[in-house]
Amino acid sequence: HLARQVRLSSPWDLTWSDELCAFVVAMAGSHTLWSFDPGALDG
């Protein structure tokens, strides 16, 4: 999904993963892990 068009839920921490080529986000509010690729979808 386009990063600025999706609601998030209390992101608490994040780290970069070379293997995933993205930030991994600890989404505390929905008990999940998300990825954020800042350069995807034409930047």
PDB file of all heavy atoms in Angstrom:
ATOM      1  N   HIS A   1       0.828  -1.203   0.000  1.00  0.00           N
ATOM      2  CA  HIS A   1       0.000   0.000   0.000  1.00  0.00           C
ATOM      3  C   HIS A   1       0.864   1.255   0.000  1.00  0.00           C
ATOM      4  O   HIS A   1       1.957   1.270   0.572  1.00  0.00           O
ATOM      5  CB  HIS A   1      -0.910   0.025   1.236  1.00  0.00           C
ATOM      6  CG  HIS A   1      -1.903  -1.091   1.295  1.00  0.00           C
ATOM      7  ND1 HIS A   1      -3.158  -1.010   0.736  1.00  0.00           N
ATOM      8  CD2 HIS A   1      -1.821  -2.326   1.844  1.00  0.00           C
ATOM      9  CE1 HIS A   1      -3.812  -2.144   0.949  1.00  0.00           C
ATOM     10  NE2 HIS A   1      -3.025  -2.963   1.617  1.00  0.00           N
ATOM     11  N   LEU A   2       0.357   2.313  -0.606  1.00  0.00           N
ATOM     12  CA  LEU A   2       1.014   3.603  -0.558  1.00  0.00           C
ATOM     13  C   LEU A   2       1.127   4.044   0.901  1.00  0.00           C
ATOM     14  O   LEU A   2       0.124   4.100   1.621  1.00  0.00           O
ATOM     15  CB  LEU A   2       0.231   4.627  -1.370  1.00  0.00           C
ATOM     16  CG  LEU A   2       0.869   6.004  -1.560  1.00  0.00           C
ATOM     17  CD1 LEU A   2       2.129   5.897  -2.406  1.00  0.00           C
ATOM     18  CD2 LEU A   2      -0.128   6.959  -2.206  1.00  0.00           C
ATOM     19  N   ALA A   3       2.348   4.358   1.327  1.00  0.00           N
ATOM     20  CA  ALA A   3       2.609   4.540   2.754  1.00  0.00           C
ATOM     21  C   ALA A   3       1.765   5.640   3.378  1.00  0.00           C
ATOM     22  O   ALA A   3       1.357   5.528   4.535  1.00  0.00           O
ATOM     23  CB  ALA A   3       4.098   4.839   2.965  1.00  0.00           C
ATOM     24  N   ARG A   4       1.480   6.695   2.620  1.00  0.00           N
ATOM     25  CA  ARG A   4       0.769   7.839   3.203  1.00  0.00           C
ATOM     26  C   ARG A   4      -0.743   7.718   3.091  1.00  0.00           C
ATOM     27  O   ARG A   4      -1.461   8.652   3.434  1.00  0.00           O
ATOM     28  CB  ARG A   4       1.251   9.134   2.546  1.00  0.00           C
ATOM     29  CG  ARG A   4       2.701   9.454   2.877  1.00  0.00           C
ATOM     30  CD  ARG A   4       3.232  10.655   2.095  1.00  0.00           C
ATOM     31  NE  ARG A   4       3.479  10.321   0.698  1.00  0.00           N
ATOM     32  CZ  ARG A   4       2.743  10.754  -0.319  1.00  0.00           C
ATOM     33  NH1 ARG A   4       1.684  11.495  -0.093  1.00  0.00           N
ATOM     34  NH2 ARG A   4       3.042  10.427  -1.561  1.00  0.00           N
ATOM     35  N   GLN A   5      -1.213   6.567   2.609  1.00  0.00           N
ATOM     36  CA  GLN A   5      -2.660   6.379   2.509  1.00  0.00           C
ATOM     37  C   GLN A   5      -3.172   5.280   3.436  1.00  0.00           C
ATOM     38  O   GLN A   5      -4.346   4.938   3.378  1.00  0.00           O
ATOM     39  CB  GLN A   5      -3.050   6.052   1.061  1.00  0.00           C
ATOM     40  CG  GLN A   5      -2.866   7.219   0.119  1.00  0.00           C
ATOM     41  CD  GLN A   5      -3.425   6.952  -1.267  1.00  0.00           C
ATOM     42  OE1 GLN A   5      -3.712   5.811  -1.615  1.00  0.00           O
ATOM     43  NE2 GLN A   5      -3.584   7.996  -2.060  1.00  0.00           N
ATOM     44  N   VAL A   6      -2.313   4.761   4.286  1.00  0.00           N
ATOM     45  CA  VAL A   6      -2.718   3.681   5.189  1.00  0.00           C
ATOM     46  C   VAL A   6      -2.607   4.158   6.637  1.00  0.00           C
ATOM     47  O   VAL A   6      -1.604   4.754   7.042  1.00  0.00           O
ATOM     48  CB  VAL A   6      -1.836   2.429   4.992  1.00  0.00           C
ATOM     49  CG1 VAL A   6      -2.220   1.330   5.980  1.00  0.00           C
ATOM     50  CG2 VAL A   6      -1.973   1.911   3.577  1.00  0.00           C
ATOM     51  N   ARG A   7      -3.639   3.892   7.386  1.00  0.00           N
ATOM     52  CA  ARG A   7      -3.589   4.173   8.820  1.00  0.00           C
ATOM     53  C   ARG A   7      -2.628   3.195   9.505  1.00  0.00           C
ATOM     54  O   ARG A   7      -2.601   2.007   9.169  1.00  0.00           O
ATOM     55  CB  ARG A   7      -4.980   4.029   9.436  1.00  0.00           C
ATOM     56  CG  ARG A   7      -5.999   5.040   8.935  1.00  0.00           C
ATOM     57  CD  ARG A   7      -7.351   4.821   9.588  1.00  0.00           C
ATOM     58  NE  ARG A   7      -8.332   5.812   9.172  1.00  0.00           N
ATOM     59  CZ  ARG A   7      -9.571   5.879   9.631  1.00  0.00           C
ATOM     60  NH1 ARG A   7      -9.993   4.978  10.525  1.00  0.00           N
ATOM     61  NH2 ARG A   7     -10.408   6.814   9.221  1.00  0.00           N
ATOM     62  N   LEU A   8      -1.882   3.678  10.462  1.00  0.00           N
ATOM     63  CA  LEU A   8      -1.013   2.853  11.286  1.00  0.00           C
ATOM     64  C   LEU A   8      -1.582   2.807  12.700  1.00  0.00           C
ATOM     65  O   LEU A   8      -2.540   3.522  13.018  1.00  0.00           O
ATOM     66  CB  LEU A   8       0.412   3.414  11.294  1.00  0.00           C
ATOM     67  CG  LEU A   8       1.046   3.707   9.925  1.00  0.00           C
ATOM     68  CD1 LEU A   8       2.471   4.231  10.107  1.00  0.00           C
ATOM     69  CD2 LEU A   8       1.032   2.489   9.029  1.00  0.00           C
ATOM     70  N   SER A   9      -0.988   1.982  13.562  1.00  0.00           N
ATOM     71  CA  SER A   9      -1.498   1.851  14.928  1.00  0.00           C
ATOM     72  C   SER A   9      -0.350   1.786  15.926  1.00  0.00           C
ATOM     73  O   SER A   9       0.262   0.740  16.119  1.00  0.00           O
ATOM     74  CB  SER A   9      -2.384   0.601  15.068  1.00  0.00           C
ATOM     75  OG  SER A   9      -2.968   0.551  16.357  1.00  0.00           O
ATOM     76  N   SER A  10      -0.034   2.925  16.504  1.00  0.00           N
ATOM     77  CA  SER A  10       0.974   3.045  17.555  1.00  0.00           C
ATOM     78  C   SER A  10       2.299   2.369  17.194  1.00  0.00           C
ATOM     79  O   SER A  10       2.747   1.442  17.875  1.00  0.00           O
ATOM     80  CB  SER A  10       0.444   2.482  18.880  1.00  0.00           C
ATOM     81  OG  SER A  10      -0.680   3.197  19.310  1.00  0.00           O
ATOM     82  N   PRO A  11       2.957   2.824  16.117  1.00  0.00           N
ATOM     83  CA  PRO A  11       4.295   2.287  15.842  1.00  0.00           C
ATOM     84  C   PRO A  11       5.228   2.638  16.989  1.00  0.00           C
ATOM     85  O   PRO A  11       5.301   3.785  17.410  1.00  0.00           O
ATOM     86  CB  PRO A  11       4.689   3.001  14.547  1.00  0.00           C
ATOM     87  CG  PRO A  11       3.882   4.265  14.538  1.00  0.00           C
ATOM     88  CD  PRO A  11       2.582   3.914  15.200  1.00  0.00           C
ATOM     89  N   TRP A  12       5.964   1.629  17.516  1.00  0.00           N
ATOM     90  CA  TRP A  12       6.741   1.842  18.740  1.00  0.00           C
ATOM     91  C   TRP A  12       8.249   1.837  18.477  1.00  0.00           C
ATOM     92  O   TRP A  12       8.999   2.505  19.172  1.00  0.00           O
ATOM     93  CB  TRP A  12       6.379   0.775  19.772  1.00  0.00           C
ATOM     94  CG  TRP A  12       6.577   1.219  21.177  1.00  0.00           C
ATOM     95  CD1 TRP A  12       7.749   1.232  21.889  1.00  0.00           C
ATOM     96  CD2 TRP A  12       5.579   1.739  22.065  1.00  0.00           C
ATOM     97  NE1 TRP A  12       7.541   1.714  23.157  1.00  0.00           N
ATOM     98  CE2 TRP A  12       6.212   2.034  23.288  1.00  0.00           C
ATOM     99  CE3 TRP A  12       4.212   1.957  21.952  1.00  0.00           C
ATOM    100  CZ2 TRP A  12       5.521   2.550  24.393  1.00  0.00           C
ATOM    101  CZ3 TRP A  12       3.522   2.469  23.035  1.00  0.00           C
ATOM    102  CH2 TRP A  12       4.186   2.755  24.247  1.00  0.00           C
ATOM    103  N   ASP A  13       8.707   1.082  17.515  1.00  0.00           N
ATOM    104  CA  ASP A  13      10.129   1.046  17.212  1.00  0.00           C
ATOM    105  C   ASP A  13      10.303   0.610  15.762  1.00  0.00           C
ATOM    106  O   ASP A  13       9.354   0.127  15.121  1.00  0.00           O
ATOM    107  CB  ASP A  13      10.868   0.094  18.154  1.00  0.00           C
ATOM    108  CG  ASP A  13      12.372   0.385  18.219  1.00  0.00           C
ATOM    109  OD1 ASP A  13      12.810   1.427  17.693  1.00  0.00           O
ATOM    110  OD2 ASP A  13      13.104  -0.430  18.807  1.00  0.00           O
ATOM    111  N   LEU A  14      11.523   0.777  15.246  1.00  0.00           N
ATOM    112  CA  LEU A  14      11.812   0.344  13.888  1.00  0.00           C
ATOM    113  C   LEU A  14      13.309   0.133  13.727  1.00  0.00           C
ATOM    114  O   LEU A  14      14.115   0.683  14.475  1.00  0.00           O
ATOM    115  CB  LEU A  14      11.291   1.351  12.861  1.00  0.00           C
ATOM    116  CG  LEU A  14      11.984   2.708  12.707  1.00  0.00           C
ATOM    117  CD1 LEU A  14      11.508   3.390  11.423  1.00  0.00           C
ATOM    118  CD2 LEU A  14      11.717   3.629  13.897  1.00  0.00           C
ATOM    119  N   THR A  15      13.664  -0.708  12.765  1.00  0.00           N
ATOM    120  CA  THR A  15      15.055  -0.968  12.432  1.00  0.00           C
ATOM    121  C   THR A  15      15.147  -1.251  10.942  1.00  0.00           C
ATOM    122  O   THR A  15      14.158  -1.630  10.313  1.00  0.00           O
ATOM    123  CB  THR A  15      15.609  -2.153  13.251  1.00  0.00           C
ATOM    124  OG1 THR A  15      17.022  -2.223  13.090  1.00  0.00           O
ATOM    125  CG2 THR A  15      15.001  -3.475  12.807  1.00  0.00           C
ATOM    126  N   TRP A  16      16.334  -1.059  10.376  1.00  0.00           N
ATOM    127  CA  TRP A  16      16.533  -1.334   8.952  1.00  0.00           C
ATOM    128  C   TRP A  16      16.976  -2.775   8.770  1.00  0.00           C
ATOM    129  O   TRP A  16      17.804  -3.280   9.532  1.00  0.00           O
ATOM    130  CB  TRP A  16      17.570  -0.391   8.351  1.00  0.00           C
ATOM    131  CG  TRP A  16      17.868  -0.700   6.912  1.00  0.00           C
ATOM    132  CD1 TRP A  16      18.901  -1.436   6.416  1.00  0.00           C
ATOM    133  CD2 TRP A  16      17.076  -0.326   5.786  1.00  0.00           C
ATOM    134  NE1 TRP A  16      18.821  -1.537   5.049  1.00  0.00           N
ATOM    135  CE2 TRP A  16      17.702  -0.861   4.628  1.00  0.00           C
ATOM    136  CE3 TRP A  16      15.901   0.412   5.630  1.00  0.00           C
ATOM    137  CZ2 TRP A  16      17.195  -0.673   3.342  1.00  0.00           C
ATOM    138  CZ3 TRP A  16      15.395   0.594   4.348  1.00  0.00           C
ATOM    139  CH2 TRP A  16      16.029   0.063   3.226  1.00  0.00           C
ATOM    140  N   SER A  17      16.450  -3.437   7.748  1.00  0.00           N
ATOM    141  CA  SER A  17      16.829  -4.802   7.412  1.00  0.00           C
ATOM    142  C   SER A  17      17.382  -4.823   5.995  1.00  0.00           C
ATOM    143  O   SER A  17      16.657  -4.519   5.040  1.00  0.00           O
ATOM    144  CB  SER A  17      15.623  -5.743   7.519  1.00  0.00           C
ATOM    145  OG  SER A  17      15.929  -7.014   6.964  1.00  0.00           O
ATOM    146  N   ASP A  18      18.672  -5.179   5.858  1.00  0.00           N
ATOM    147  CA  ASP A  18      19.250  -5.315   4.516  1.00  0.00           C
ATOM    148  C   ASP A  18      18.592  -6.453   3.755  1.00  0.00           C
ATOM    149  O   ASP A  18      18.390  -6.377   2.534  1.00  0.00           O
ATOM    150  CB  ASP A  18      20.756  -5.570   4.624  1.00  0.00           C
ATOM    151  CG  ASP A  18      21.531  -4.305   4.992  1.00  0.00           C
ATOM    152  OD1 ASP A  18      21.090  -3.201   4.618  1.00  0.00           O
ATOM    153  OD2 ASP A  18      22.574  -4.427   5.664  1.00  0.00           O
ATOM    154  N   GLU A  19      18.254  -7.525   4.471  1.00  0.00           N
ATOM    155  CA  GLU A  19      17.645  -8.689   3.819  1.00  0.00           C
ATOM    156  C   GLU A  19      16.272  -8.358   3.241  1.00  0.00           C
ATOM    157  O   GLU A  19      15.897  -8.866   2.175  1.00  0.00           O
ATOM    158  CB  GLU A  19      17.530  -9.847   4.812  1.00  0.00           C
ATOM    159  CG  GLU A  19      18.839 -10.564   5.096  1.00  0.00           C
ATOM    160  CD  GLU A  19      19.832  -9.705   5.851  1.00  0.00           C
ATOM    161  OE1 GLU A  19      19.407  -8.745   6.536  1.00  0.00           O
ATOM    162  OE2 GLU A  19      21.039  -9.966   5.749  1.00  0.00           O
ATOM    163  N   LEU A  20      15.513  -7.528   3.919  1.00  0.00           N
ATOM    164  CA  LEU A  20      14.180  -7.164   3.455  1.00  0.00           C
ATOM    165  C   LEU A  20      14.179  -5.887   2.622  1.00  0.00           C
ATOM    166  O   LEU A  20      13.142  -5.517   2.056  1.00  0.00           O
ATOM    167  CB  LEU A  20      13.235  -6.989   4.645  1.00  0.00           C
ATOM    168  CG  LEU A  20      13.016  -8.237   5.515  1.00  0.00           C
ATOM    169  CD1 LEU A  20      12.239  -7.876   6.777  1.00  0.00           C
ATOM    170  CD2 LEU A  20      12.287  -9.316   4.733  1.00  0.00           C
ATOM    171  N   CYS A  21      15.347  -5.190   2.602  1.00  0.00           N
ATOM    172  CA  CYS A  21      15.463  -3.926   1.860  1.00  0.00           C
ATOM    173  C   CYS A  21      14.387  -2.932   2.310  1.00  0.00           C
ATOM    174  O   CYS A  21      13.760  -2.238   1.486  1.00  0.00           O
ATOM    175  CB  CYS A  21      15.366  -4.150   0.354  1.00  0.00           C
ATOM    176  SG  CYS A  21      16.631  -5.257  -0.294  1.00  0.00           S
ATOM    177  N   ALA A  22      14.163  -2.870   3.617  1.00  0.00           N
ATOM    178  CA  ALA A  22      13.100  -2.017   4.140  1.00  0.00           C
ATOM    179  C   ALA A  22      13.297  -1.843   5.646  1.00  0.00           C
ATOM    180  O   ALA A  22      14.053  -2.579   6.289  1.00  0.00           O
ATOM    181  CB  ALA A  22      11.722  -2.635   3.869  1.00  0.00           C
ATOM    182  N   PHE A  23      12.601  -0.850   6.194  1.00  0.00           N
ATOM    183  CA  PHE A  23      12.500  -0.728   7.645  1.00  0.00           C
ATOM    184  C   PHE A  23      11.478  -1.750   8.147  1.00  0.00           C
ATOM    185  O   PHE A  23      10.434  -1.957   7.520  1.00  0.00           O
ATOM    186  CB  PHE A  23      12.029   0.674   8.045  1.00  0.00           C
ATOM    187  CG  PHE A  23      13.030   1.762   7.796  1.00  0.00           C
ATOM    188  CD1 PHE A  23      12.964   2.522   6.635  1.00  0.00           C
ATOM    189  CD2 PHE A  23      14.037   2.028   8.708  1.00  0.00           C
ATOM    190  CE1 PHE A  23      13.878   3.533   6.396  1.00  0.00           C
ATOM    191  CE2 PHE A  23      14.955   3.036   8.479  1.00  0.00           C
ATOM    192  CZ  PHE A  23      14.883   3.788   7.320  1.00  0.00           C
ATOM    193  N   VAL A  24      11.772  -2.359   9.270  1.00  0.00           N
ATOM    194  CA  VAL A  24      10.811  -3.203   9.969  1.00  0.00           C
ATOM    195  C   VAL A  24      10.242  -2.384  11.115  1.00  0.00           C
ATOM    196  O   VAL A  24      10.995  -1.780  11.893  1.00  0.00           O
ATOM    197  CB  VAL A  24      11.462  -4.493  10.488  1.00  0.00           C
ATOM    198  CG1 VAL A  24      10.452  -5.318  11.282  1.00  0.00           C
ATOM    199  CG2 VAL A  24      12.026  -5.298   9.330  1.00  0.00           C
ATOM    200  N   VAL A  25       8.929  -2.331  11.216  1.00  0.00           N
ATOM    201  CA  VAL A  25       8.244  -1.485  12.185  1.00  0.00           C
ATOM    202  C   VAL A  25       7.495  -2.357  13.186  1.00  0.00           C
ATOM    203  O   VAL A  25       6.703  -3.227  12.792  1.00  0.00           O
ATOM    204  CB  VAL A  25       7.249  -0.529  11.485  1.00  0.00           C
ATOM    205  CG1 VAL A  25       6.593   0.398  12.508  1.00  0.00           C
ATOM    206  CG2 VAL A  25       7.951   0.275  10.397  1.00  0.00           C
ATOM    207  N   ALA A  26       7.750  -2.131  14.479  1.00  0.00           N
ATOM    208  CA  ALA A  26       7.002  -2.803  15.542  1.00  0.00           C
ATOM    209  C   ALA A  26       5.697  -2.037  15.745  1.00  0.00           C
ATOM    210  O   ALA A  26       5.693  -0.964  16.355  1.00  0.00           O
ATOM    211  CB  ALA A  26       7.820  -2.835  16.831  1.00  0.00           C
ATOM    212  N   MET A  27       4.605  -2.565  15.218  1.00  0.00           N
ATOM    213  CA  MET A  27       3.307  -1.903  15.264  1.00  0.00           C
ATOM    214  C   MET A  27       2.571  -2.376  16.525  1.00  0.00           C
ATOM    215  O   MET A  27       1.736  -3.290  16.484  1.00  0.00           O
ATOM    216  CB  MET A  27       2.510  -2.210  14.001  1.00  0.00           C
ATOM    217  CG  MET A  27       1.474  -1.148  13.666  1.00  0.00           C
ATOM    218  SD  MET A  27       2.198   0.424  13.131  1.00  0.00           S
ATOM    219  CE  MET A  27       2.824  -0.012  11.507  1.00  0.00           C
ATOM    220  N   ALA A  28       2.867  -1.712  17.642  1.00  0.00           N
ATOM    221  CA  ALA A  28       2.378  -2.180  18.938  1.00  0.00           C
ATOM    222  C   ALA A  28       0.858  -2.207  19.008  1.00  0.00           C
ATOM    223  O   ALA A  28       0.269  -3.096  19.625  1.00  0.00           O
ATOM    224  CB  ALA A  28       2.938  -1.298  20.058  1.00  0.00           C
ATOM    225  N   GLY A  29       0.202  -1.224  18.379  1.00  0.00           N
ATOM    226  CA  GLY A  29      -1.243  -1.110  18.517  1.00  0.00           C
ATOM    227  C   GLY A  29      -2.032  -2.211  17.862  1.00  0.00           C
ATOM    228  O   GLY A  29      -3.180  -2.464  18.256  1.00  0.00           O
ATOM    229  N   SER A  30      -1.464  -2.879  16.855  1.00  0.00           N
ATOM    230  CA  SER A  30      -2.175  -3.980  16.205  1.00  0.00           C
ATOM    231  C   SER A  30      -1.450  -5.307  16.376  1.00  0.00           C
ATOM    232  O   SER A  30      -1.792  -6.285  15.720  1.00  0.00           O
ATOM    233  CB  SER A  30      -2.367  -3.685  14.707  1.00  0.00           C
ATOM    234  OG  SER A  30      -1.122  -3.490  14.061  1.00  0.00           O
ATOM    235  N   HIS A  31      -0.434  -5.349  17.254  1.00  0.00           N
ATOM    236  CA  HIS A  31       0.276  -6.595  17.586  1.00  0.00           C
ATOM    237  C   HIS A  31       0.852  -7.245  16.330  1.00  0.00           C
ATOM    238  O   HIS A  31       0.680  -8.451  16.097  1.00  0.00           O
ATOM    239  CB  HIS A  31      -0.650  -7.565  18.322  1.00  0.00           C
ATOM    240  CG  HIS A  31      -1.452  -6.926  19.410  1.00  0.00           C
ATOM    241  ND1 HIS A  31      -0.868  -6.336  20.506  1.00  0.00           N
ATOM    242  CD2 HIS A  31      -2.790  -6.757  19.569  1.00  0.00           C
ATOM    243  CE1 HIS A  31      -1.822  -5.836  21.295  1.00  0.00           C
ATOM    244  NE2 HIS A  31      -2.989  -6.078  20.740  1.00  0.00           N
ATOM    245  N   THR A  32       1.543  -6.444  15.522  1.00  0.00           N
ATOM    246  CA  THR A  32       2.068  -6.922  14.254  1.00  0.00           C
ATOM    247  C   THR A  32       3.429  -6.304  13.972  1.00  0.00           C
ATOM    248  O   THR A  32       3.857  -5.353  14.634  1.00  0.00           O
ATOM    249  CB  THR A  32       1.118  -6.561  13.087  1.00  0.00           C
ATOM    250  OG1 THR A  32       0.823  -5.155  13.153  1.00  0.00           O
ATOM    251  CG2 THR A  32      -0.174  -7.343  13.146  1.00  0.00           C
ATOM    252  N   LEU A  33       4.109  -6.842  12.956  1.00  0.00           N
ATOM    253  CA  LEU A  33       5.288  -6.227  12.367  1.00  0.00           C
ATOM    254  C   LEU A  33       4.938  -5.819  10.940  1.00  0.00           C
ATOM    255  O   LEU A  33       4.314  -6.579  10.207  1.00  0.00           O
ATOM    256  CB  LEU A  33       6.467  -7.198  12.346  1.00  0.00           C
ATOM    257  CG  LEU A  33       6.956  -7.752  13.690  1.00  0.00           C
ATOM    258  CD1 LEU A  33       8.119  -8.712  13.470  1.00  0.00           C
ATOM    259  CD2 LEU A  33       7.358  -6.632  14.634  1.00  0.00           C
ATOM    260  N   TRP A  34       5.348  -4.622  10.556  1.00  0.00           N
ATOM    261  CA  TRP A  34       5.127  -4.117   9.206  1.00  0.00           C
ATOM    262  C   TRP A  34       6.480  -3.802   8.573  1.00  0.00           C
ATOM    263  O   TRP A  34       7.490  -3.669   9.268  1.00  0.00           O
ATOM    264  CB  TRP A  34       4.275  -2.845   9.216  1.00  0.00           C
ATOM    265  CG  TRP A  34       2.834  -3.055   9.580  1.00  0.00           C
ATOM    266  CD1 TRP A  34       2.332  -3.898  10.533  1.00  0.00           C
ATOM    267  CD2 TRP A  34       1.703  -2.379   9.031  1.00  0.00           C
ATOM    268  NE1 TRP A  34       0.969  -3.795  10.603  1.00  0.00           N
ATOM    269  CE2 TRP A  34       0.556  -2.860   9.690  1.00  0.00           C
ATOM    270  CE3 TRP A  34       1.550  -1.412   8.049  1.00  0.00           C
ATOM    271  CZ2 TRP A  34      -0.729  -2.415   9.388  1.00  0.00           C
ATOM    272  CZ3 TRP A  34       0.271  -0.949   7.752  1.00  0.00           C
ATOM    273  CH2 TRP A  34      -0.852  -1.456   8.413  1.00  0.00           C
ATOM    274  N   SER A  35       6.489  -3.668   7.254  1.00  0.00           N
ATOM    275  CA  SER A  35       7.676  -3.158   6.581  1.00  0.00           C
ATOM    276  C   SER A  35       7.340  -1.834   5.919  1.00  0.00           C
ATOM    277  O   SER A  35       6.207  -1.607   5.476  1.00  0.00           O
ATOM    278  CB  SER A  35       8.199  -4.154   5.550  1.00  0.00           C
ATOM    279  OG  SER A  35       7.360  -4.208   4.417  1.00  0.00           O
ATOM    280  N   PHE A  36       8.341  -0.953   5.886  1.00  0.00           N
ATOM    281  CA  PHE A  36       8.219   0.344   5.221  1.00  0.00           C
ATOM    282  C   PHE A  36       9.397   0.488   4.275  1.00  0.00           C
ATOM    283  O   PHE A  36      10.549   0.540   4.704  1.00  0.00           O
ATOM    284  CB  PHE A  36       8.213   1.479   6.247  1.00  0.00           C
ATOM    285  CG  PHE A  36       8.428   2.853   5.657  1.00  0.00           C
ATOM    286  CD1 PHE A  36       7.630   3.322   4.629  1.00  0.00           C
ATOM    287  CD2 PHE A  36       9.439   3.681   6.144  1.00  0.00           C
ATOM    288  CE1 PHE A  36       7.828   4.588   4.081  1.00  0.00           C
ATOM    289  CE2 PHE A  36       9.645   4.947   5.605  1.00  0.00           C
ATOM    290  CZ  PHE A  36       8.842   5.405   4.575  1.00  0.00           C
ATOM    291  N   ASP A  37       9.099   0.502   2.985  1.00  0.00           N
ATOM    292  CA  ASP A  37      10.112   0.684   1.945  1.00  0.00           C
ATOM    293  C   ASP A  37      10.000   2.118   1.454  1.00  0.00           C
ATOM    294  O   ASP A  37       9.084   2.455   0.691  1.00  0.00           O
ATOM    295  CB  ASP A  37       9.883  -0.299   0.804  1.00  0.00           C
ATOM    296  CG  ASP A  37      10.929  -0.179  -0.301  1.00  0.00           C
ATOM    297  OD1 ASP A  37      11.711   0.798  -0.279  1.00  0.00           O
ATOM    298  OD2 ASP A  37      10.954  -1.055  -1.181  1.00  0.00           O
ATOM    299  N   PRO A  38      10.901   2.999   1.870  1.00  0.00           N
ATOM    300  CA  PRO A  38      10.719   4.426   1.559  1.00  0.00           C
ATOM    301  C   PRO A  38      10.899   4.774   0.098  1.00  0.00           C
ATOM    302  O   PRO A  38      10.406   5.808  -0.360  1.00  0.00           O
ATOM    303  CB  PRO A  38      11.794   5.100   2.415  1.00  0.00           C
ATOM    304  CG  PRO A  38      12.848   4.066   2.604  1.00  0.00           C
ATOM    305  CD  PRO A  38      12.114   2.755   2.675  1.00  0.00           C
ATOM    306  N   GLY A  39      11.574   3.921  -0.668  1.00  0.00           N
ATOM    307  CA  GLY A  39      11.804   4.244  -2.070  1.00  0.00           C
ATOM    308  C   GLY A  39      10.854   3.576  -3.037  1.00  0.00           C
ATOM    309  O   GLY A  39      10.925   3.815  -4.249  1.00  0.00           O
ATOM    310  N   ALA A  40       9.956   2.751  -2.540  1.00  0.00           N
ATOM    311  CA  ALA A  40       9.044   2.005  -3.412  1.00  0.00           C
ATOM    312  C   ALA A  40       7.980   2.915  -4.014  1.00  0.00           C
ATOM    313  O   ALA A  40       7.793   4.057  -3.601  1.00  0.00           O
ATOM    314  CB  ALA A  40       8.395   0.873  -2.633  1.00  0.00           C
ATOM    315  N   LEU A  41       7.254   2.379  -4.973  1.00  0.00           N
ATOM    316  CA  LEU A  41       6.150   3.074  -5.646  1.00  0.00           C
ATOM    317  C   LEU A  41       6.602   4.439  -6.162  1.00  0.00           C
ATOM    318  O   LEU A  41       6.047   5.483  -5.839  1.00  0.00           O
ATOM    319  CB  LEU A  41       4.941   3.202  -4.704  1.00  0.00           C
ATOM    320  CG  LEU A  41       4.353   1.888  -4.189  1.00  0.00           C
ATOM    321  CD1 LEU A  41       3.153   2.145  -3.313  1.00  0.00           C
ATOM    322  CD2 LEU A  41       3.983   0.969  -5.353  1.00  0.00           C
ATOM    323  N   ASP A  42       7.676   4.400  -6.945  1.00  0.00           N
ATOM    324  CA  ASP A  42       8.209   5.597  -7.595  1.00  0.00           C
ATOM    325  C   ASP A  42       8.617   6.654  -6.575  1.00  0.00           C
ATOM    326  O   ASP A  42       8.432   7.856  -6.787  1.00  0.00           O
ATOM    327  CB  ASP A  42       7.172   6.174  -8.570  1.00  0.00           C
ATOM    328  CG  ASP A  42       7.787   7.189  -9.527  1.00  0.00           C
ATOM    329  OD1 ASP A  42       8.991   7.085  -9.821  1.00  0.00           O
ATOM    330  OD2 ASP A  42       7.063   8.103  -9.966  1.00  0.00           O
ATOM    331  N   GLY A  43       9.181   6.187  -5.455  1.00  0.00           N
ATOM    332  CA  GLY A  43       9.683   7.108  -4.448  1.00  0.00           C
ATOM    333  C   GLY A  43       8.659   7.603  -3.460  1.00  0.00           C
ATOM    334  O   GLY A  43       8.992   8.390  -2.563  1.00  0.00           O
TER     335      GLY A  43
END
